[in-house]
Amino acid sequence: MERIATAVIAAGVFMLLQPFSMALYTYSFLTTLAGTALFTIVSKFPE
């Protein structure tokens, strides 16, 4: 689950840095925020 959260964060950063689509840029912050929240929650799970 941590890998999925990390992938969501990476997708959000990619969306923020790409120069092609304004729609992707618009949702990049929400994607990064959701990935960070997911990572925070998932990291509390026991292994």
C-alpha atoms as a PDB file:
ATOM      1  CA  MET A   1       0.000   0.000   0.000  1.00  0.00           C
ATOM      2  CA  GLU A   2       2.904   2.359   0.646  1.00  0.00           C
ATOM      3  CA  ARG A   3       4.070   1.818  -2.926  1.00  0.00           C
ATOM      4  CA  ILE A   4       0.648   2.824  -4.234  1.00  0.00           C
ATOM      5  CA  ALA A   5       0.668   5.967  -2.086  1.00  0.00           C
ATOM      6  CA  THR A   6       4.164   6.799  -3.301  1.00  0.00           C
ATOM      7  CA  ALA A   7       3.057   6.294  -6.902  1.00  0.00           C
ATOM      8  CA  VAL A   8       0.121   8.667  -6.371  1.00  0.00           C
ATOM      9  CA  ILE A   9       2.492  11.298  -4.961  1.00  0.00           C
ATOM     10  CA  ALA A  10       4.859  10.827  -7.905  1.00  0.00           C
ATOM     11  CA  ALA A  11       1.945  11.151 -10.339  1.00  0.00           C
ATOM     12  CA  GLY A  12       0.911  14.393  -8.656  1.00  0.00           C
ATOM     13  CA  VAL A  13       4.415  15.822  -8.954  1.00  0.00           C
ATOM     14  CA  PHE A  14       4.578  14.748 -12.603  1.00  0.00           C
ATOM     15  CA  MET A  15       1.211  16.430 -13.214  1.00  0.00           C
ATOM     16  CA  LEU A  16       2.563  19.598 -11.591  1.00  0.00           C
ATOM     17  CA  LEU A  17       5.717  19.719 -13.710  1.00  0.00           C
ATOM     18  CA  GLN A  18       4.366  18.768 -17.143  1.00  0.00           C
ATOM     19  CA  PRO A  19       3.860  21.602 -19.678  1.00  0.00           C
ATOM     20  CA  PHE A  20       1.157  19.985 -21.850  1.00  0.00           C
ATOM     21  CA  SER A  21      -2.218  20.000 -20.126  1.00  0.00           C
ATOM     22  CA  MET A  22      -3.771  22.669 -17.939  1.00  0.00           C
ATOM     23  CA  ALA A  23      -6.311  20.130 -16.631  1.00  0.00           C
ATOM     24  CA  LEU A  24      -3.542  17.895 -15.271  1.00  0.00           C
ATOM     25  CA  TYR A  25      -1.874  20.920 -13.689  1.00  0.00           C
ATOM     26  CA  THR A  26      -5.171  21.926 -12.089  1.00  0.00           C
ATOM     27  CA  TYR A  27      -5.598  18.599 -10.290  1.00  0.00           C
ATOM     28  CA  SER A  28      -1.922  18.067  -9.439  1.00  0.00           C
ATOM     29  CA  PHE A  29      -2.149  19.587  -5.954  1.00  0.00           C
ATOM     30  CA  LEU A  30      -5.182  17.499  -5.029  1.00  0.00           C
ATOM     31  CA  THR A  31      -3.478  14.358  -6.317  1.00  0.00           C
ATOM     32  CA  THR A  32      -0.311  15.062  -4.337  1.00  0.00           C
ATOM     33  CA  LEU A  33      -2.350  15.898  -1.243  1.00  0.00           C
ATOM     34  CA  ALA A  34      -4.390  12.692  -1.545  1.00  0.00           C
ATOM     35  CA  GLY A  35      -1.212  10.629  -1.958  1.00  0.00           C
ATOM     36  CA  THR A  36       0.345  12.259   1.092  1.00  0.00           C
ATOM     37  CA  ALA A  37      -2.753  11.630   3.194  1.00  0.00           C
ATOM     38  CA  LEU A  38      -2.899   8.033   1.964  1.00  0.00           C
ATOM     39  CA  PHE A  39       0.766   7.520   2.795  1.00  0.00           C
ATOM     40  CA  THR A  40       0.264   8.958   6.283  1.00  0.00           C
ATOM     41  CA  ILE A  41      -2.641   6.595   6.948  1.00  0.00           C
ATOM     42  CA  VAL A  42      -1.031   3.527   5.371  1.00  0.00           C
ATOM     43  CA  SER A  43       2.276   4.007   7.186  1.00  0.00           C
ATOM     44  CA  LYS A  44       0.460   3.460  10.490  1.00  0.00           C
ATOM     45  CA  PHE A  45      -0.604  -0.071   9.481  1.00  0.00           C
ATOM     46  CA  PRO A  46       1.400  -2.930  10.998  1.00  0.00           C
ATOM     47  CA  GLU A  47       3.508  -4.847   8.503  1.00  0.00           C
END
